[in-house]
C-alpha atoms as a PDB file:
ATOM      1  CA  MET A   1      17.077 -17.102   5.728  1.00  0.00           C
ATOM      2  CA  ALA A   2      17.592 -15.693   9.225  1.00  0.00           C
ATOM      3  CA  GLY A   3      15.688 -18.331  11.213  1.00  0.00           C
ATOM      4  CA  ALA A   4      17.687 -19.170  14.344  1.00  0.00           C
ATOM      5  CA  TYR A   5      16.464 -22.785  14.484  1.00  0.00           C
ATOM      6  CA  LYS A   6      15.467 -23.982  11.012  1.00  0.00           C
ATOM      7  CA  GLY A   7      16.586 -21.117   8.784  1.00  0.00           C
ATOM      8  CA  VAL A   8      19.459 -21.176   6.304  1.00  0.00           C
ATOM      9  CA  GLN A   9      21.768 -19.474   8.784  1.00  0.00           C
ATOM     10  CA  ALA A  10      21.083 -22.201  11.389  1.00  0.00           C
ATOM     11  CA  ARG A  11      21.849 -24.959   8.870  1.00  0.00           C
ATOM     12  CA  ILE A  12      25.089 -23.280   7.785  1.00  0.00           C
ATOM     13  CA  LEU A  13      26.148 -22.794  11.420  1.00  0.00           C
ATOM     14  CA  GLN A  14      25.775 -26.533  11.945  1.00  0.00           C
ATOM     15  CA  ILE A  15      28.426 -27.019   9.285  1.00  0.00           C
ATOM     16  CA  ASN A  16      30.645 -24.059  10.159  1.00  0.00           C
ATOM     17  CA  HIS A  17      30.166 -22.298  13.501  1.00  0.00           C
ATOM     18  CA  MET A  18      32.390 -19.419  12.316  1.00  0.00           C
ATOM     19  CA  ALA A  19      29.866 -18.347   9.676  1.00  0.00           C
ATOM     20  CA  MET A  20      28.166 -14.979  10.224  1.00  0.00           C
ATOM     21  CA  LEU A  21      24.743 -13.799   9.065  1.00  0.00           C
ATOM     22  CA  ILE A  22      24.894 -10.308   7.573  1.00  0.00           C
ATOM     23  CA  HIS A  23      21.668  -8.745   6.354  1.00  0.00           C
ATOM     24  CA  CYS A  24      21.769  -7.300   2.858  1.00  0.00           C
ATOM     25  CA  PHE A  25      21.897  -3.517   2.449  1.00  0.00           C
ATOM     26  CA  ALA A  26      18.334  -3.384   1.126  1.00  0.00           C
ATOM     27  CA  HIS A  27      16.996  -5.264   4.164  1.00  0.00           C
ATOM     28  CA  SER A  28      18.887  -2.968   6.555  1.00  0.00           C
ATOM     29  CA  LEU A  29      17.516   0.091   4.737  1.00  0.00           C
ATOM     30  CA  ASN A  30      14.019  -1.346   4.976  1.00  0.00           C
ATOM     31  CA  ARG A  31      14.352  -1.903   8.727  1.00  0.00           C
ATOM     32  CA  ALA A  32      15.650   1.650   9.198  1.00  0.00           C
ATOM     33  CA  LEU A  33      12.612   2.998   7.344  1.00  0.00           C
ATOM     34  CA  VAL A  34      10.205   0.838   9.379  1.00  0.00           C
ATOM     35  CA  ASN A  35      11.777   2.011  12.636  1.00  0.00           C
ATOM     36  CA  SER A  36      11.641   5.647  11.508  1.00  0.00           C
ATOM     37  CA  VAL A  37       7.951   5.739  10.657  1.00  0.00           C
ATOM     38  CA  SER A  38       7.090   3.715  13.772  1.00  0.00           C
ATOM     39  CA  HIS A  39       8.918   6.010  16.182  1.00  0.00           C
ATOM     40  CA  ALA A  40       6.906   7.432  19.075  1.00  0.00           C
ATOM     41  CA  ASP A  41       8.168  10.953  18.339  1.00  0.00           C
ATOM     42  CA  ILE A  42       6.355  11.041  14.964  1.00  0.00           C
ATOM     43  CA  PRO A  43       2.875   9.621  15.651  1.00  0.00           C
ATOM     44  CA  GLU A  44       1.545  11.238  12.456  1.00  0.00           C
ATOM     45  CA  ALA A  45       3.674   8.949  10.302  1.00  0.00           C
ATOM     46  CA  ARG A  46       2.909   5.871  12.374  1.00  0.00           C
ATOM     47  CA  ASN A  47      -0.840   6.548  12.334  1.00  0.00           C
ATOM     48  CA  PHE A  48      -0.879   7.407   8.643  1.00  0.00           C
ATOM     49  CA  PHE A  49       0.769   4.183   7.508  1.00  0.00           C
ATOM     50  CA  SER A  50      -1.383   2.135   9.885  1.00  0.00           C
ATOM     51  CA  ILE A  51      -4.597   3.642   8.498  1.00  0.00           C
ATOM     52  CA  PHE A  52      -3.313   3.540   4.929  1.00  0.00           C
ATOM     53  CA  GLU A  53      -2.415  -0.149   5.148  1.00  0.00           C
ATOM     54  CA  HIS A  54      -5.803  -0.904   6.709  1.00  0.00           C
ATOM     55  CA  LEU A  55      -7.525   0.950   3.853  1.00  0.00           C
ATOM     56  CA  VAL A  56      -5.584  -0.846   1.104  1.00  0.00           C
ATOM     57  CA  VAL A  57      -6.068  -4.292   2.640  1.00  0.00           C
ATOM     58  CA  PHE A  58      -9.780  -3.711   3.347  1.00  0.00           C
ATOM     59  CA  VAL A  59     -10.550  -2.525  -0.192  1.00  0.00           C
ATOM     60  CA  GLY A  60      -8.714  -5.493  -1.695  1.00  0.00           C
ATOM     61  CA  GLY A  61      -9.947  -7.971   0.900  1.00  0.00           C
ATOM     62  CA  SER A  62     -12.965  -9.265  -1.023  1.00  0.00           C
ATOM     63  CA  SER A  63     -13.872  -9.757  -4.667  1.00  0.00           C
ATOM     64  CA  GLN A  64     -16.995  -7.628  -4.122  1.00  0.00           C
ATOM     65  CA  ARG A  65     -15.068  -4.625  -2.860  1.00  0.00           C
ATOM     66  CA  GLN A  66     -12.453  -5.057  -5.596  1.00  0.00           C
ATOM     67  CA  ALA A  67     -15.188  -4.975  -8.235  1.00  0.00           C
ATOM     68  CA  ILE A  68     -16.704  -1.791  -6.798  1.00  0.00           C
ATOM     69  CA  PHE A  69     -13.247  -0.191  -6.604  1.00  0.00           C
ATOM     70  CA  LEU A  70     -12.491  -0.989 -10.249  1.00  0.00           C
ATOM     71  CA  GLN A  71     -15.959   0.033 -11.402  1.00  0.00           C
ATOM     72  CA  ALA A  72     -15.653   3.417  -9.696  1.00  0.00           C
ATOM     73  CA  GLN A  73     -12.370   4.080 -11.505  1.00  0.00           C
ATOM     74  CA  SER A  74     -13.860   3.027 -14.832  1.00  0.00           C
ATOM     75  CA  HIS A  75     -16.768   5.419 -14.374  1.00  0.00           C
ATOM     76  CA  SER A  76     -14.474   8.312 -13.416  1.00  0.00           C
ATOM     77  CA  SER A  77     -12.518   7.769 -16.661  1.00  0.00           C
ATOM     78  CA  LYS A  78     -15.597   8.206 -18.850  1.00  0.00           C
ATOM     79  CA  PRO A  79     -16.479  11.617 -20.341  1.00  0.00           C
ATOM     80  CA  ASN A  80     -19.955  11.375 -18.826  1.00  0.00           C
ATOM     81  CA  THR A  81     -19.393  10.151 -15.291  1.00  0.00           C
ATOM     82  CA  GLU A  82     -22.108   7.862 -13.986  1.00  0.00           C
ATOM     83  CA  GLN A  83     -22.782   7.075 -10.353  1.00  0.00           C
ATOM     84  CA  ILE A  84     -22.556   3.523  -9.034  1.00  0.00           C
ATOM     85  CA  VAL A  85     -26.083   2.197  -8.673  1.00  0.00           C
ATOM     86  CA  GLU A  86     -26.643   1.178  -5.060  1.00  0.00           C
ATOM     87  CA  SER A  87     -29.716  -0.881  -4.322  1.00  0.00           C
ATOM     88  CA  GLU A  88     -31.005  -0.995  -0.751  1.00  0.00           C
ATOM     89  CA  ASP A  89     -31.542  -4.762  -0.927  1.00  0.00           C
ATOM     90  CA  GLU A  90     -28.129  -5.462  -2.458  1.00  0.00           C
ATOM     91  CA  ASP A  91     -25.875  -7.700  -0.400  1.00  0.00           C
ATOM     92  CA  GLU A  92     -22.114  -7.132  -0.278  1.00  0.00           C
ATOM     93  CA  ASN A  93     -21.526 -10.709  -1.369  1.00  0.00           C
ATOM     94  CA  ASP A  94     -23.323 -10.226  -4.685  1.00  0.00           C
ATOM     95  CA  PRO A  95     -20.735  -9.773  -7.442  1.00  0.00           C
ATOM     96  CA  ILE A  96     -20.559  -6.461  -9.274  1.00  0.00           C
ATOM     97  CA  GLU A  97     -18.452  -6.569 -12.402  1.00  0.00           C
ATOM     98  CA  PRO A  98     -16.442  -3.466 -13.371  1.00  0.00           C
ATOM     99  CA  GLN A  99     -17.694  -1.971 -16.624  1.00  0.00           C
ATOM    100  CA  PRO A 100     -14.924  -0.981 -19.059  1.00  0.00           C
ATOM    101  CA  SER A 101     -15.130   2.402 -20.714  1.00  0.00           C
ATOM    102  CA  SER A 102     -15.510   2.723 -24.451  1.00  0.00           C
ATOM    103  CA  SER A 103     -13.630   6.059 -24.417  1.00  0.00           C
ATOM    104  CA  SER A 104     -10.281   6.146 -26.184  1.00  0.00           C
ATOM    105  CA  SER A 105      -8.859   8.125 -23.250  1.00  0.00           C
ATOM    106  CA  TYR A 106      -9.784   5.388 -20.807  1.00  0.00           C
ATOM    107  CA  SER A 107      -6.904   4.411 -18.510  1.00  0.00           C
ATOM    108  CA  LYS A 108      -6.629   0.958 -17.002  1.00  0.00           C
ATOM    109  CA  PRO A 109      -7.988   0.922 -13.423  1.00  0.00           C
ATOM    110  CA  THR A 110      -5.591   0.340 -10.537  1.00  0.00           C
ATOM    111  CA  ARG A 111      -6.161  -3.070  -9.004  1.00  0.00           C
ATOM    112  CA  PRO A 112      -6.244  -3.084  -5.182  1.00  0.00           C
ATOM    113  CA  ARG A 113      -3.677  -4.945  -3.111  1.00  0.00           C
ATOM    114  CA  ARG A 114      -4.671  -7.745  -0.761  1.00  0.00           C
ATOM    115  CA  SER A 115      -1.773  -7.212   1.632  1.00  0.00           C
ATOM    116  CA  MET A 116       1.250  -5.039   2.409  1.00  0.00           C
ATOM    117  CA  SER A 117       4.710  -6.436   3.078  1.00  0.00           C
ATOM    118  CA  ASP A 118       6.644  -5.331   6.158  1.00  0.00           C
ATOM    119  CA  THR A 119       9.944  -6.439   4.637  1.00  0.00           C
ATOM    120  CA  ARG A 120       9.447  -4.781   1.242  1.00  0.00           C
ATOM    121  CA  TRP A 121       8.410  -1.172   1.581  1.00  0.00           C
ATOM    122  CA  THR A 122       8.500  -0.787  -2.179  1.00  0.00           C
ATOM    123  CA  SER A 123       4.899  -1.985  -1.985  1.00  0.00           C
ATOM    124  CA  ARG A 124       4.004   1.060   0.118  1.00  0.00           C
ATOM    125  CA  CYS A 125       5.760   3.355  -2.322  1.00  0.00           C
ATOM    126  CA  ASP A 126       3.742   1.932  -5.191  1.00  0.00           C
ATOM    127  CA  ALA A 127       0.474   2.027  -3.237  1.00  0.00           C
ATOM    128  CA  THR A 128       1.058   5.623  -2.074  1.00  0.00           C
ATOM    129  CA  ASN A 129       1.701   6.734  -5.643  1.00  0.00           C
ATOM    130  CA  ARG A 130      -1.482   5.070  -6.874  1.00  0.00           C
ATOM    131  CA  TYR A 131      -3.754   6.276  -4.072  1.00  0.00           C
ATOM    132  CA  SER A 132      -2.426   9.822  -4.500  1.00  0.00           C
ATOM    133  CA  GLU A 133      -4.303   9.914  -7.809  1.00  0.00           C
ATOM    134  CA  PRO A 134      -7.682  11.626  -7.248  1.00  0.00           C
ATOM    135  CA  LYS A 135      -9.692   9.005  -9.161  1.00  0.00           C
ATOM    136  CA  VAL A 136      -8.126   6.128  -7.197  1.00  0.00           C
ATOM    137  CA  PHE A 137      -8.659   7.829  -3.831  1.00  0.00           C
ATOM    138  CA  GLN A 138     -12.242   8.667  -4.808  1.00  0.00           C
ATOM    139  CA  ALA A 139     -12.814   5.063  -5.885  1.00  0.00           C
ATOM    140  CA  ALA A 140     -11.623   3.856  -2.483  1.00  0.00           C
ATOM    141  CA  PHE A 141     -13.999   6.304  -0.779  1.00  0.00           C
ATOM    142  CA  GLN A 142     -16.918   5.135  -2.927  1.00  0.00           C
ATOM    143  CA  THR A 143     -16.093   1.528  -2.090  1.00  0.00           C
ATOM    144  CA  LEU A 144     -16.202   2.270   1.636  1.00  0.00           C
ATOM    145  CA  ASN A 145     -19.429   4.238   1.227  1.00  0.00           C
ATOM    146  CA  HIS A 146     -20.999   1.321  -0.666  1.00  0.00           C
ATOM    147  CA  VAL A 147     -20.078  -1.064   2.151  1.00  0.00           C
ATOM    148  CA  VAL A 148     -21.632   1.266   4.748  1.00  0.00           C
ATOM    149  CA  LYS A 149     -24.900   1.513   2.807  1.00  0.00           C
ATOM    150  CA  ASN A 150     -25.309  -2.031   1.533  1.00  0.00           C
ATOM    151  CA  ALA A 151     -23.220  -4.575   3.422  1.00  0.00           C
ATOM    152  CA  SER A 152     -25.117  -7.006   5.632  1.00  0.00           C
ATOM    153  CA  ASP A 153     -22.025  -7.638   7.758  1.00  0.00           C
ATOM    154  CA  SER A 154     -22.002  -5.247  10.737  1.00  0.00           C
ATOM    155  CA  GLU A 155     -18.247  -5.659  11.227  1.00  0.00           C
ATOM    156  CA  SER A 156     -17.528  -4.590   7.655  1.00  0.00           C
ATOM    157  CA  LYS A 157     -19.841  -1.593   8.060  1.00  0.00           C
ATOM    158  CA  SER A 158     -18.140  -0.423  11.249  1.00  0.00           C
ATOM    159  CA  THR A 159     -14.698  -0.889   9.683  1.00  0.00           C
ATOM    160  CA  ALA A 160     -15.742   1.118   6.620  1.00  0.00           C
ATOM    161  CA  LEU A 161     -17.191   3.904   8.806  1.00  0.00           C
ATOM    162  CA  GLY A 162     -13.973   4.117  10.780  1.00  0.00           C
ATOM    163  CA  LEU A 163     -11.880   4.270   7.624  1.00  0.00           C
ATOM    164  CA  ILE A 164     -14.076   6.987   6.111  1.00  0.00           C
ATOM    165  CA  ALA A 165     -13.652   9.108   9.249  1.00  0.00           C
ATOM    166  CA  ASN A 166      -9.875   8.668   9.093  1.00  0.00           C
ATOM    167  CA  ILE A 167      -9.201   9.150   5.377  1.00  0.00           C
ATOM    168  CA  THR A 168     -11.357  12.305   5.175  1.00  0.00           C
ATOM    169  CA  SER A 169      -9.432  14.046   7.958  1.00  0.00           C
ATOM    170  CA  PRO A 170      -7.248  17.000   6.803  1.00  0.00           C
ATOM    171  CA  LYS A 171      -4.022  15.313   7.974  1.00  0.00           C
ATOM    172  CA  PHE A 172      -4.645  12.130   6.039  1.00  0.00           C
ATOM    173  CA  VAL A 173      -5.447  14.028   2.855  1.00  0.00           C
ATOM    174  CA  ILE A 174      -2.145  15.936   3.046  1.00  0.00           C
ATOM    175  CA  LEU A 175       0.235  13.177   4.220  1.00  0.00           C
ATOM    176  CA  PRO A 176       0.171  10.988   1.063  1.00  0.00           C
ATOM    177  CA  ALA A 177       1.639  13.871  -0.935  1.00  0.00           C
ATOM    178  CA  ALA A 178       4.242  14.486   1.774  1.00  0.00           C
ATOM    179  CA  PHE A 179       5.351  10.863   2.006  1.00  0.00           C
ATOM    180  CA  LYS A 180       5.161  10.234  -1.729  1.00  0.00           C
ATOM    181  CA  GLN A 181       8.487  11.981  -2.423  1.00  0.00           C
ATOM    182  CA  VAL A 182      10.169  10.446   0.631  1.00  0.00           C
ATOM    183  CA  LEU A 183       9.170   6.910  -0.320  1.00  0.00           C
ATOM    184  CA  ALA A 184      10.118   7.461  -3.958  1.00  0.00           C
ATOM    185  CA  THR A 185      13.621   8.620  -2.965  1.00  0.00           C
ATOM    186  CA  VAL A 186      14.093   5.650  -0.614  1.00  0.00           C
ATOM    187  CA  ASN A 187      12.727   3.276  -3.239  1.00  0.00           C
ATOM    188  CA  ILE A 188      15.351   4.328  -5.806  1.00  0.00           C
ATOM    189  CA  VAL A 189      18.133   3.441  -3.381  1.00  0.00           C
ATOM    190  CA  SER A 190      16.392   0.239  -2.278  1.00  0.00           C
ATOM    191  CA  LEU A 191      16.108  -1.025  -5.857  1.00  0.00           C
ATOM    192  CA  PHE A 192      19.770  -0.154  -6.480  1.00  0.00           C
ATOM    193  CA  LEU A 193      20.815  -2.175  -3.429  1.00  0.00           C
ATOM    194  CA  GLN A 194      18.845  -5.204  -4.671  1.00  0.00           C
ATOM    195  CA  ALA A 195      20.652  -5.357  -8.009  1.00  0.00           C
ATOM    196  CA  LYS A 196      22.462  -8.612  -8.804  1.00  0.00           C
ATOM    197  CA  GLN A 197      25.709  -6.722  -9.277  1.00  0.00           C
ATOM    198  CA  ILE A 198      26.424  -3.510  -7.349  1.00  0.00           C
ATOM    199  CA  ASP A 199      29.451  -1.395  -6.573  1.00  0.00           C
ATOM    200  CA  ILE A 200      29.906  -1.237  -2.786  1.00  0.00           C
ATOM    201  CA  ALA A 201      31.401   2.262  -2.961  1.00  0.00           C
ATOM    202  CA  ALA A 202      28.499   3.486  -5.088  1.00  0.00           C
ATOM    203  CA  ALA A 203      26.021   1.859  -2.697  1.00  0.00           C
ATOM    204  CA  LEU A 204      27.570   3.602   0.311  1.00  0.00           C
ATOM    205  CA  GLU A 205      27.533   6.905  -1.554  1.00  0.00           C
ATOM    206  CA  LYS A 206      23.836   6.521  -2.364  1.00  0.00           C
ATOM    207  CA  ILE A 207      23.035   5.706   1.261  1.00  0.00           C
ATOM    208  CA  GLN A 208      24.978   8.750   2.505  1.00  0.00           C
ATOM    209  CA  THR A 209      23.185  10.966  -0.006  1.00  0.00           C
ATOM    210  CA  LEU A 210      19.835   9.525   1.083  1.00  0.00           C
ATOM    211  CA  LYS A 211      20.604  10.293   4.741  1.00  0.00           C
ATOM    212  CA  LYS A 212      21.484  13.887   3.865  1.00  0.00           C
ATOM    213  CA  ASN A 213      18.273  14.345   1.858  1.00  0.00           C
END
C-alpha cells in the first residue's frame, strides 16, 4: 500500500498528485507499540521480545521440532505423564509423530508459529498467552533440550543451547506474565480499530484510555 515507487499510493499519486497517504489507526498503534518496546531506555522489553520471537520461530522452524513440541504437550496432558524417548543415535531430521492422549481431559496441543509479524502485533499477544501456559513453555524447553542432545546440526545445537540459557533466566520467566496484560489491553484496541465500521469518536476515546492505562 505505502510503497513509494510501485505501491498503491504511488499509482494513485500518478493520477492525482493531491492525494495523501494516511496510515490507518491500527497501523499507527502498531508502530507506536513497536517503537516503545524497542526503545533503548527499556532494554528488558527489547531483549525479551527478541529472545521470545527467536524461540517461537526456532521451535516452529522444522517439522521435527514441531512434532516434538506437540508430543511434549500431549504427554503433559495425560494423567500418567511419560517422558519423550530420546535415542542417542536419533537424528533431528527423523520424523517423530505427536501421540494423542486417550484421556477425556486432553486439551488440543498448541501448534507452534513459523514466523512473527512486525506489522501485526496481535500475533505476539496470542503467542505470549500460549507460551505463558506451563505445559506449553515446558514443551518448548523439552524441544530445545531434545535438539541439544540429538541434533546432528551443530548450528541448531548452539542455537538451542543459547535459547535454553535465555529462557531459564529469572527475568525471562517473569516478563511473559508482565507483558501478557499489556499486550492483551493493546490487542483489544487494535482489533476495534480494524473493524469495517468504527466510530471515530469512540476510537479516539479508546486510544486515550489506552494511553492512560
